[in-house]
Amino acid sequence: MKKYLYVVDYWVPFPSSEYGGLITLIAENDAEALELLSDEESFHVWQKNYGHLIMEKIITATKLELSNEYESGIIEAFCT
């Protein structure tokens, strides 16, 4: 089963918000990437107000196909 390294840039531009970040994660597809982010407690404040934007950011994320087997999950997150 193919997996991808996602680089998700989800900055919400000023003056709309001060929330945003850059997240790297491994997932099989966009739906799994959304599930991983939705399950992460540290993103709940952002999701409450701007969660409707996250799928768009996942779809447009940089995605790199991985050649080895890796476990799905969030690798690193920089968030404000």
Protein backbone atom coordinates (compact mmCIF):
# COMPACT_ATOMS: atom_id res chain seq x y z
CA MET A 1 0.00 0.00 0.00
CA LYS A 2 1.43 3.38 -1.03
CA LYS A 3 1.95 6.07 1.56
CA TYR A 4 2.80 9.72 1.14
CA LEU A 5 4.67 12.34 3.08
CA TYR A 6 2.38 15.36 3.31
CA VAL A 7 3.65 18.88 3.95
CA VAL A 8 0.54 20.81 4.95
CA ASP A 9 0.77 24.60 5.12
CA TYR A 10 -2.41 25.86 6.76
CA TRP A 11 -1.74 29.51 7.55
CA VAL A 12 -4.88 31.61 7.84
CA PRO A 13 -3.80 35.06 6.62
CA PHE A 14 -3.86 38.13 8.85
CA PRO A 15 -6.19 39.88 9.74
CA SER A 16 -8.57 36.91 9.69
CA SER A 17 -6.57 34.87 12.17
CA GLU A 18 -3.36 34.37 14.05
CA TYR A 19 -3.62 30.60 13.67
CA GLY A 20 -1.57 28.53 11.32
CA GLY A 21 1.33 26.24 10.94
CA LEU A 22 3.27 23.75 8.94
CA ILE A 23 2.62 20.07 9.53
CA THR A 24 4.38 17.03 8.11
CA LEU A 25 2.61 13.71 8.30
CA ILE A 26 2.46 10.31 6.65
CA ALA A 27 -0.84 9.04 5.28
CA GLU A 28 -2.23 6.77 2.57
CA ASN A 29 -4.54 9.44 1.17
CA ASP A 30 -6.20 12.80 1.84
CA ALA A 31 -8.99 11.22 3.91
CA GLU A 32 -6.52 9.56 6.27
CA ALA A 33 -4.55 12.81 6.54
CA LEU A 34 -7.74 14.63 7.58
CA GLU A 35 -8.54 11.90 10.11
CA LEU A 36 -5.06 12.15 11.67
CA LEU A 37 -5.34 15.92 12.03
CA SER A 38 -8.92 15.75 13.33
CA ASP A 39 -7.92 13.27 16.03
CA GLU A 40 -5.04 15.43 17.31
CA GLU A 41 -6.12 17.36 20.43
CA SER A 42 -3.63 20.19 19.96
CA PHE A 43 -5.45 21.24 16.75
CA HIS A 44 -8.94 21.43 18.27
CA VAL A 45 -8.86 25.21 18.93
CA TRP A 46 -7.86 25.88 15.34
CA GLN A 47 -10.39 23.38 13.99
CA LYS A 48 -13.23 25.00 15.92
CA ASN A 49 -12.90 28.26 13.96
CA TYR A 50 -11.05 27.26 10.78
CA GLY A 51 -11.55 23.51 10.42
CA HIS A 52 -13.50 23.98 7.21
CA LEU A 53 -10.24 25.09 5.55
CA ILE A 54 -8.12 22.08 6.48
CA MET A 55 -9.29 19.70 3.71
CA GLU A 56 -8.46 22.34 1.07
CA LYS A 57 -4.98 22.62 2.59
CA ILE A 58 -4.56 18.83 2.60
CA ILE A 59 -5.61 18.57 -1.05
CA THR A 60 -3.14 21.27 -2.10
CA ALA A 61 -0.34 20.02 0.19
CA THR A 62 3.00 18.91 -1.18
CA LYS A 63 2.83 15.10 -1.33
CA LEU A 64 5.85 12.88 -1.81
CA GLU A 65 5.41 9.17 -2.46
CA LEU A 66 7.39 7.02 -0.03
CA SER A 67 9.28 4.01 -1.29
CA ASN A 68 9.38 2.13 2.03
CA GLU A 69 6.72 1.06 4.51
CA TYR A 70 6.03 3.69 7.17
CA GLU A 71 3.42 3.98 9.87
CA SER A 72 0.83 6.70 9.34
CA GLY A 73 0.99 9.61 11.74
CA ILE A 74 1.98 13.19 12.37
CA ILE A 75 5.74 13.61 12.21
CA GLU A 76 6.19 17.27 13.13
CA ALA A 77 3.93 20.27 13.66
CA PHE A 78 4.78 23.93 14.01
CA CYS A 79 1.64 25.78 15.05
CA THR A 80 0.74 29.21 16.33
